[in-house]
Amino acid sequence: MGTWHRISAKHLAAYLDEMTWRFNNRKNPYLFRDTMLKLIHSENLEYKELTKAA
């Protein structure tokens, strides 16, 4: 089983963004640290905002 069980057209741009990011960061020896720092300094995204209709 892979990460995705199916790919929908609705989320295709997000899948491509993730694959681009993974490819561009594949040789970063500090990837975990960089990711954690970005998460620590980002704003909170509440569930109701995440799931609201577009």
Protein backbone atom coordinates (compact mmCIF):
# COMPACT_ATOMS: atom_id res chain seq x y z
CA MET A 1 0.00 0.00 0.00
CA GLY A 2 1.20 3.45 -0.86
CA THR A 3 0.53 6.76 0.79
CA TRP A 4 -2.55 7.40 -1.33
CA HIS A 5 -5.25 4.84 -1.99
CA ARG A 6 -6.63 6.91 -4.86
CA ILE A 7 -6.02 10.31 -6.38
CA SER A 8 -8.87 12.74 -6.99
CA ALA A 9 -8.85 15.66 -9.40
CA LYS A 10 -9.96 17.91 -6.53
CA HIS A 11 -6.67 17.38 -4.66
CA LEU A 12 -4.33 16.82 -7.62
CA ALA A 13 -2.58 20.18 -7.16
CA ALA A 14 -1.84 19.34 -3.51
CA TYR A 15 -0.42 15.92 -4.47
CA LEU A 16 1.83 17.52 -7.08
CA ASP A 17 2.98 20.19 -4.62
CA GLU A 18 3.92 17.51 -2.11
CA MET A 19 5.84 15.44 -4.67
CA THR A 20 7.68 18.57 -5.86
CA TRP A 21 8.60 19.46 -2.28
CA ARG A 22 9.81 15.91 -1.56
CA PHE A 23 11.93 15.86 -4.71
CA ASN A 24 13.46 19.29 -4.04
CA ASN A 25 14.33 18.31 -0.45
CA ARG A 26 15.55 14.75 -1.06
CA LYS A 27 19.20 15.58 -0.27
CA ASN A 28 18.65 17.94 2.66
CA PRO A 29 20.50 16.45 5.65
CA TYR A 30 18.62 18.79 8.00
CA LEU A 31 15.14 18.05 6.67
CA PHE A 32 13.67 16.99 10.01
CA ARG A 33 15.03 20.06 11.79
CA ASP A 34 13.90 22.42 9.04
CA THR A 35 10.41 20.91 9.01
CA MET A 36 10.07 21.12 12.79
CA LEU A 37 11.18 24.77 12.81
CA LYS A 38 8.66 25.62 10.12
CA LEU A 39 5.88 23.90 12.08
CA ILE A 40 6.84 25.62 15.33
CA HIS A 41 6.74 29.05 13.71
CA SER A 42 3.53 28.55 11.73
CA GLU A 43 0.08 29.70 12.79
CA ASN A 44 -2.48 27.22 14.10
CA LEU A 45 -5.04 25.92 11.62
CA GLU A 46 -8.27 25.07 13.39
CA TYR A 47 -10.23 22.03 12.27
CA LYS A 48 -13.34 24.09 11.49
CA GLU A 49 -11.26 26.27 9.14
CA LEU A 50 -9.69 23.23 7.51
CA THR A 51 -13.03 21.57 6.83
CA LYS A 52 -15.17 24.56 5.87
CA ALA A 53 -16.77 24.49 2.43
CA ALA A 54 -14.94 26.47 -0.23
